[in-house]
């Protein structure tokens, strides 16, 4: 018999028009309070009485620095925190309840379907799940875009690429293209556009495909907004999609497919960068395993979940800033 969940699941932020109220509800959620308490903090520091919402999020951001084992590195190079089995179980249950999970799409049709790139496994699994949704008739889409960057492989990505038969590949964009072509059974691109610069961070490219059924599919490598410092991040990818790739119109629906553990921070970023300025509706779901190709299931440690809770806090702070003064009005 399945046991009752430890925490009540929080609705995904952005499900209702009042984003500020959603943020406030997330800050007051029991699983966040339990996490903060477990690691030596006081949940009262992040409640309305403690000051403006932006100030409280900045305080929470500073608190979550104790979980930052990435230190600017790629996720698969992050160190692990020393946690007890009880702490590990609590962290994963709390993170899932806060929104780091995979929910099904809410609608049957989306004008745009987007998949973010990432490590090799993500480049394969997300496009595979997207193709599965369309192939099985669960949803329809006007067009499909996969968003990545010219990011060189690191750590075990070379091994993962070799396991997939892609031993010659060396970067995310190549893996994203290979994964998308395999998932949607694509031939050669109809055409390509882009610019290759000496600084890899500024290099960009778009490959335009079309399935046998006529569905437009694009594979995109976005440039970094700070090319001399870093590769393109999630925000860069969204902005490039909105400004260069898609002609977004108010009222259009976007389905963003990620991995369950990354759903919430990527969704919050999409609300800020895509939903607010362009008036589009954004849903974000976590991809589920498919057998095209079948990959070993990933295991995400409690440390990895804490890292994404921290990413969510930082994304929420940016969202609140974008909302402006109206966001500081505390809901009744």
Protein backbone atom coordinates (compact mmCIF):
# COMPACT_ATOMS: atom_id res chain seq x y z
CA UNK A 1 0.00 0.00 0.00
CA UNK A 2 1.40 3.37 -1.04
CA UNK A 3 2.13 5.67 1.89
CA UNK A 4 0.78 9.21 2.11
CA UNK A 5 3.16 11.90 0.78
CA UNK A 6 5.09 13.73 3.48
CA UNK A 7 4.15 17.18 2.11
CA UNK A 8 1.24 18.67 0.20
CA UNK A 9 2.27 19.45 -3.37
CA UNK A 10 2.50 23.14 -4.21
CA UNK A 11 0.75 24.25 -7.44
CA UNK A 12 3.21 25.19 -10.18
CA UNK A 13 3.95 28.92 -10.10
CA UNK A 14 2.16 30.78 -12.88
CA UNK A 15 -0.94 28.62 -12.91
CA UNK A 16 -2.97 31.68 -11.91
CA UNK A 17 -2.72 35.31 -13.10
CA UNK A 18 -1.32 36.63 -9.78
CA UNK A 19 2.35 35.68 -9.95
CA UNK A 20 3.20 37.65 -6.81
CA UNK A 21 0.67 35.64 -4.81
CA UNK A 22 2.16 32.42 -6.21
CA UNK A 23 5.64 33.48 -5.10
CA UNK A 24 4.36 34.35 -1.65
CA UNK A 25 2.63 30.98 -1.34
CA UNK A 26 5.87 29.22 -2.32
CA UNK A 27 7.85 31.13 0.31
CA UNK A 28 5.29 30.16 2.96
CA UNK A 29 5.05 26.51 1.89
CA UNK A 30 5.60 23.88 4.56
CA UNK A 31 8.29 21.95 2.64
CA UNK A 32 10.42 25.09 2.25
CA UNK A 33 10.01 25.88 5.94
CA UNK A 34 11.09 22.36 6.85
CA UNK A 35 14.14 22.56 4.58
CA UNK A 36 15.19 25.91 6.02
CA UNK A 37 14.77 24.64 9.58
CA UNK A 38 16.65 21.42 8.83
CA UNK A 39 19.69 23.41 7.72
CA UNK A 40 19.71 25.87 10.62
CA UNK A 41 17.56 28.72 9.34
CA UNK A 42 14.40 30.45 10.53
CA UNK A 43 11.39 30.29 8.14
CA UNK A 44 10.07 33.53 9.66
CA UNK A 45 12.88 35.38 7.86
CA UNK A 46 11.06 34.78 4.56
CA UNK A 47 7.48 35.60 5.60
CA UNK A 48 5.76 38.95 4.80
CA UNK A 49 6.42 40.44 8.24
CA UNK A 50 10.17 40.20 7.55
CA UNK A 51 10.09 42.90 4.85
CA UNK A 52 9.65 43.41 1.10
CA UNK A 53 9.46 40.26 -1.02
CA UNK A 54 12.64 41.06 -2.95
CA UNK A 55 14.58 41.56 0.28
CA UNK A 56 13.34 38.26 1.68
CA UNK A 57 14.31 36.40 -1.49
CA UNK A 58 17.78 37.95 -1.37
CA UNK A 59 18.07 36.74 2.21
CA UNK A 60 16.94 33.25 1.19
CA UNK A 61 19.43 33.30 -1.68
CA UNK A 62 22.22 34.02 0.79
CA UNK A 63 20.97 31.20 3.04
CA UNK A 64 21.07 28.66 0.19
CA UNK A 65 24.76 29.38 -0.48
CA UNK A 66 25.46 26.53 1.95
CA UNK A 67 24.04 24.17 -0.68
CA UNK A 68 26.11 25.54 -3.59
CA UNK A 69 28.53 22.75 -4.43
CA UNK A 70 28.65 23.76 -8.11
CA UNK A 71 30.67 26.93 -7.58
CA UNK A 72 30.09 27.92 -11.20
CA UNK A 73 30.85 24.47 -12.64
CA UNK A 74 28.59 22.27 -14.75
CA UNK A 75 26.07 20.23 -12.78
CA UNK A 76 27.80 16.89 -13.32
CA UNK A 77 30.98 18.30 -11.72
CA UNK A 78 29.30 19.47 -8.50
CA UNK A 79 30.51 17.96 -5.23
CA UNK A 80 28.16 16.16 -2.83
CA UNK A 81 27.09 17.41 0.59
CA UNK A 82 27.46 15.10 3.57
CA UNK A 83 23.84 14.30 4.46
CA UNK A 84 22.30 11.60 6.62
CA UNK A 85 19.83 9.14 5.03
CA UNK A 86 17.03 10.94 6.88
CA UNK A 87 18.12 14.30 5.48
CA UNK A 88 18.38 12.89 1.96
CA UNK A 89 14.83 11.52 2.12
CA UNK A 90 13.45 14.75 3.54
CA UNK A 91 15.19 16.92 0.93
CA UNK A 92 13.89 14.90 -2.02
CA UNK A 93 10.32 14.80 -0.65
CA UNK A 94 10.36 18.53 0.06
CA UNK A 95 11.85 19.45 -3.34
CA UNK A 96 9.25 17.38 -5.18
CA UNK A 97 6.45 19.02 -3.23
CA UNK A 98 7.86 22.47 -4.01
CA UNK A 99 7.59 21.82 -7.76
CA UNK A 100 10.77 19.98 -8.81
CA UNK A 101 8.77 17.21 -10.41
CA UNK A 102 7.16 16.11 -13.65
CA UNK A 103 3.46 16.89 -14.23
CA UNK A 104 1.62 16.08 -17.50
CA UNK A 105 0.82 18.81 -20.07
CA UNK A 106 -2.39 20.73 -19.31
CA UNK A 107 -3.50 21.25 -22.93
CA UNK A 108 -3.84 19.15 -26.06
CA UNK A 109 -2.37 21.73 -28.46
CA UNK A 110 0.59 24.09 -28.14
CA UNK A 111 1.79 26.63 -30.69
CA UNK A 112 5.41 26.01 -29.69
CA UNK A 113 7.13 23.05 -28.07
CA UNK A 114 10.57 23.79 -26.62
CA UNK A 115 13.21 21.49 -25.19
CA UNK A 116 16.28 22.88 -23.45
CA UNK A 117 19.61 21.22 -24.02
CA UNK A 118 21.98 20.30 -21.24
CA UNK A 119 24.20 17.33 -20.52
CA UNK A 120 24.24 14.53 -23.09
CA UNK A 121 21.46 12.56 -21.41
CA UNK A 122 19.14 15.58 -21.45
CA UNK A 123 19.83 16.20 -25.14
CA UNK A 124 18.56 12.70 -25.87
CA UNK A 125 15.82 12.17 -23.30
CA UNK A 126 13.92 15.46 -23.70
CA UNK A 127 13.63 15.34 -27.48
CA UNK A 128 12.70 11.64 -27.25
CA UNK A 129 9.85 12.44 -24.85
CA UNK A 130 8.66 15.34 -27.02
CA UNK A 131 8.53 13.11 -30.10
CA UNK A 132 6.72 10.45 -28.05
CA UNK A 133 4.00 12.93 -27.01
CA UNK A 134 3.37 13.87 -30.64
CA UNK A 135 3.73 10.34 -32.03
CA UNK A 136 1.22 8.93 -29.53
CA UNK A 137 -1.26 11.73 -30.19
CA UNK A 138 -1.15 13.06 -26.63
CA UNK A 139 -0.56 16.61 -27.88
CA UNK A 140 -0.15 18.51 -31.14
CA UNK A 141 2.28 21.37 -31.77
CA UNK A 142 2.65 24.09 -34.37
CA UNK A 143 6.43 23.85 -34.32
CA UNK A 144 9.22 22.28 -32.29
CA UNK A 145 12.47 23.89 -31.14
CA UNK A 146 15.38 22.44 -29.18
CA UNK A 147 17.52 25.08 -27.44
CA UNK A 148 21.15 24.57 -26.54
CA UNK A 149 24.58 26.10 -26.90
CA UNK A 150 28.07 25.46 -28.23
CA UNK A 151 29.18 24.07 -24.86
CA UNK A 152 32.12 21.62 -24.87
CA UNK A 153 31.52 18.29 -23.11
CA UNK A 154 32.87 17.88 -19.59
CA UNK A 155 33.26 14.97 -17.19
CA UNK A 156 31.35 11.79 -18.07
CA UNK A 157 29.63 13.30 -21.13
CA UNK A 158 32.24 11.76 -23.42
CA UNK A 159 31.38 8.31 -22.03
CA UNK A 160 27.64 8.94 -22.41
CA UNK A 161 28.09 10.04 -26.03
CA UNK A 162 30.13 6.91 -26.76
CA UNK A 163 27.42 4.69 -25.22
CA UNK A 164 24.93 6.23 -27.65
CA UNK A 165 27.21 5.63 -30.62
CA UNK A 166 28.20 9.30 -30.84
CA UNK A 167 31.86 8.95 -29.92
CA UNK A 168 32.89 11.64 -32.39
CA UNK A 169 30.76 14.33 -30.80
CA UNK A 170 32.38 16.86 -28.48
CA UNK A 171 29.75 19.51 -27.60
CA UNK A 172 26.16 20.05 -26.50
CA UNK A 173 24.86 21.45 -29.81
CA UNK A 174 26.09 18.38 -31.68
CA UNK A 175 24.44 16.07 -29.14
CA UNK A 176 21.22 18.09 -29.23
CA UNK A 177 21.12 17.86 -33.01
CA UNK A 178 21.82 14.11 -32.97
CA UNK A 179 19.18 13.51 -30.28
CA UNK A 180 16.56 15.57 -32.10
CA UNK A 181 17.21 13.91 -35.44
CA UNK A 182 16.95 10.47 -33.87
CA UNK A 183 13.79 11.27 -31.91
CA UNK A 184 11.87 12.84 -34.80
CA UNK A 185 13.40 10.60 -37.50
CA UNK A 186 14.75 13.57 -39.43
CA UNK A 187 16.87 13.61 -42.55
CA UNK A 188 19.20 16.41 -43.57
CA UNK A 189 18.28 20.00 -42.59
CA UNK A 190 16.39 22.10 -45.11
CA UNK A 191 18.85 24.90 -44.41
CA UNK A 192 21.18 26.27 -41.75
CA UNK A 193 22.03 29.72 -40.49
CA UNK A 194 24.48 30.99 -37.94
CA UNK A 195 27.78 32.62 -37.15
CA UNK A 196 30.91 30.94 -35.86
CA UNK A 197 33.23 33.26 -33.95
CA UNK A 198 36.64 32.78 -32.41
CA UNK A 199 34.92 33.10 -29.04
CA UNK A 200 32.77 29.96 -28.73
CA UNK A 201 30.42 31.74 -26.30
CA UNK A 202 29.31 34.09 -29.06
CA UNK A 203 28.88 31.42 -31.73
CA UNK A 204 25.30 30.61 -32.71
CA UNK A 205 23.47 28.42 -35.18
CA UNK A 206 20.02 27.20 -36.24
CA UNK A 207 19.28 24.05 -38.23
CA UNK A 208 15.83 23.93 -39.85
CA UNK A 209 14.20 20.54 -40.39
CA UNK A 210 10.74 19.26 -41.31
CA UNK A 211 9.27 15.88 -40.40
CA UNK A 212 7.59 13.64 -42.97
CA UNK A 213 4.26 14.93 -41.64
CA UNK A 214 5.37 18.53 -42.27
CA UNK A 215 6.06 19.57 -38.67
CA UNK A 216 8.80 22.28 -38.51
CA UNK A 217 11.65 21.30 -36.18
CA UNK A 218 14.58 23.58 -35.31
CA UNK A 219 17.79 22.83 -33.47
CA UNK A 220 19.25 26.00 -31.98
CA UNK A 221 22.59 26.95 -30.44
CA UNK A 222 22.11 30.29 -28.70
CA UNK A 223 24.94 32.78 -28.14
CA UNK A 224 25.93 33.95 -24.69
CA UNK A 225 25.14 37.48 -23.55
CA UNK A 226 28.62 37.41 -21.95
CA UNK A 227 30.59 35.46 -24.57
CA UNK A 228 34.03 36.19 -23.14
CA UNK A 229 33.00 34.91 -19.70
CA UNK A 230 30.66 31.95 -20.09
CA UNK A 231 28.52 29.81 -22.38
CA UNK A 232 24.88 30.66 -23.06
CA UNK A 233 22.63 29.98 -20.07
CA UNK A 234 18.89 29.32 -19.83
CA UNK A 235 18.03 33.04 -19.99
CA UNK A 236 20.19 33.54 -23.08
CA UNK A 237 18.50 30.58 -24.78
CA UNK A 238 14.99 31.88 -24.06
CA UNK A 239 15.82 35.38 -25.27
CA UNK A 240 17.41 34.10 -28.47
CA UNK A 241 14.38 31.91 -29.10
CA UNK A 242 12.00 34.82 -28.60
CA UNK A 243 13.96 37.41 -30.58
CA UNK A 244 15.57 35.41 -33.37
CA UNK A 245 13.79 32.07 -33.80
CA UNK A 246 10.08 32.46 -33.02
CA UNK A 247 7.53 35.11 -33.82
CA UNK A 248 5.71 34.96 -30.49
CA UNK A 249 2.20 36.36 -30.37
CA UNK A 250 0.10 37.19 -27.28
CA UNK A 251 -2.10 34.30 -26.25
CA UNK A 252 0.06 31.59 -27.81
CA UNK A 253 0.79 28.49 -25.76
CA UNK A 254 4.30 27.20 -25.16
CA UNK A 255 5.12 23.75 -23.80
CA UNK A 256 8.60 23.60 -22.32
CA UNK A 257 9.98 20.11 -21.75
CA UNK A 258 12.77 19.74 -19.22
CA UNK A 259 13.84 17.12 -16.69
CA UNK A 260 11.67 16.89 -13.57
CA UNK A 261 14.37 18.13 -11.19
CA UNK A 262 14.91 21.28 -13.31
CA UNK A 263 11.25 22.04 -14.06
CA UNK A 264 10.67 24.80 -11.52
CA UNK A 265 13.72 27.07 -12.01
CA UNK A 266 13.44 26.80 -15.79
CA UNK A 267 9.71 27.45 -15.66
CA UNK A 268 10.14 30.55 -13.48
CA UNK A 269 12.78 31.87 -15.89
CA UNK A 270 10.39 31.26 -18.81
CA UNK A 271 7.64 33.19 -17.02
CA UNK A 272 9.96 36.19 -16.66
CA UNK A 273 11.58 36.12 -20.09
CA UNK A 274 8.77 34.79 -22.29
CA UNK A 275 5.37 34.99 -20.58
CA UNK A 276 5.61 38.51 -19.13
CA UNK A 277 7.00 40.47 -22.11
CA UNK A 278 5.27 38.52 -24.90
CA UNK A 279 1.92 37.69 -23.29
CA UNK A 280 2.23 33.96 -23.98
CA UNK A 281 1.12 31.08 -21.78
CA UNK A 282 3.91 28.77 -20.61
CA UNK A 283 3.60 25.23 -19.30
CA UNK A 284 6.68 23.32 -18.19
CA UNK A 285 6.76 19.55 -17.74
CA UNK A 286 9.36 16.97 -16.83
CA UNK A 287 10.11 14.41 -19.50
CA UNK A 288 9.48 10.74 -18.78
CA UNK A 289 11.67 7.82 -19.95
CA UNK A 290 10.98 6.38 -23.40
CA UNK A 291 12.58 3.49 -25.25
CA UNK A 292 13.82 5.56 -28.23
CA UNK A 293 16.62 5.05 -27.22
CA UNK A 294 16.29 3.36 -23.85
CA UNK A 295 18.74 4.89 -21.38
CA UNK A 296 19.57 3.91 -17.81
CA UNK A 297 17.49 5.97 -15.40
CA UNK A 298 19.29 8.91 -13.85
CA UNK A 299 19.67 9.08 -10.09
CA UNK A 300 19.58 12.58 -8.67
CA UNK A 301 21.01 12.92 -5.19
CA UNK A 302 19.59 15.11 -2.45
CA UNK A 303 22.45 17.54 -3.09
CA UNK A 304 21.32 17.94 -6.70
CA UNK A 305 17.80 18.75 -5.50
CA UNK A 306 19.11 21.36 -3.07
CA UNK A 307 21.05 22.96 -5.91
CA UNK A 308 17.83 23.31 -7.92
CA UNK A 309 15.92 24.70 -4.94
CA UNK A 310 18.66 27.35 -4.82
CA UNK A 311 18.30 27.92 -8.58
CA UNK A 312 14.56 28.39 -8.04
CA UNK A 313 15.12 31.00 -5.33
CA UNK A 314 17.39 32.97 -7.64
CA UNK A 315 14.92 32.70 -10.52
CA UNK A 316 12.10 33.89 -8.25
CA UNK A 317 14.15 36.91 -7.18
CA UNK A 318 14.58 37.89 -10.83
CA UNK A 319 10.87 37.33 -11.50
CA UNK A 320 9.87 39.54 -8.55
CA UNK A 321 12.24 42.25 -9.81
CA UNK A 322 10.64 42.05 -13.27
CA UNK A 323 7.16 42.34 -11.78
CA UNK A 324 8.13 45.68 -10.24
CA UNK A 325 6.44 47.54 -7.39
CA UNK A 326 3.13 45.71 -7.82
CA UNK A 327 4.87 42.51 -6.68
CA UNK A 328 5.52 44.02 -3.26
CA UNK A 329 1.83 44.20 -2.42
CA UNK A 330 1.21 41.39 0.01
CA UNK A 331 -1.83 39.25 -0.95
CA UNK A 332 -4.85 39.53 1.33
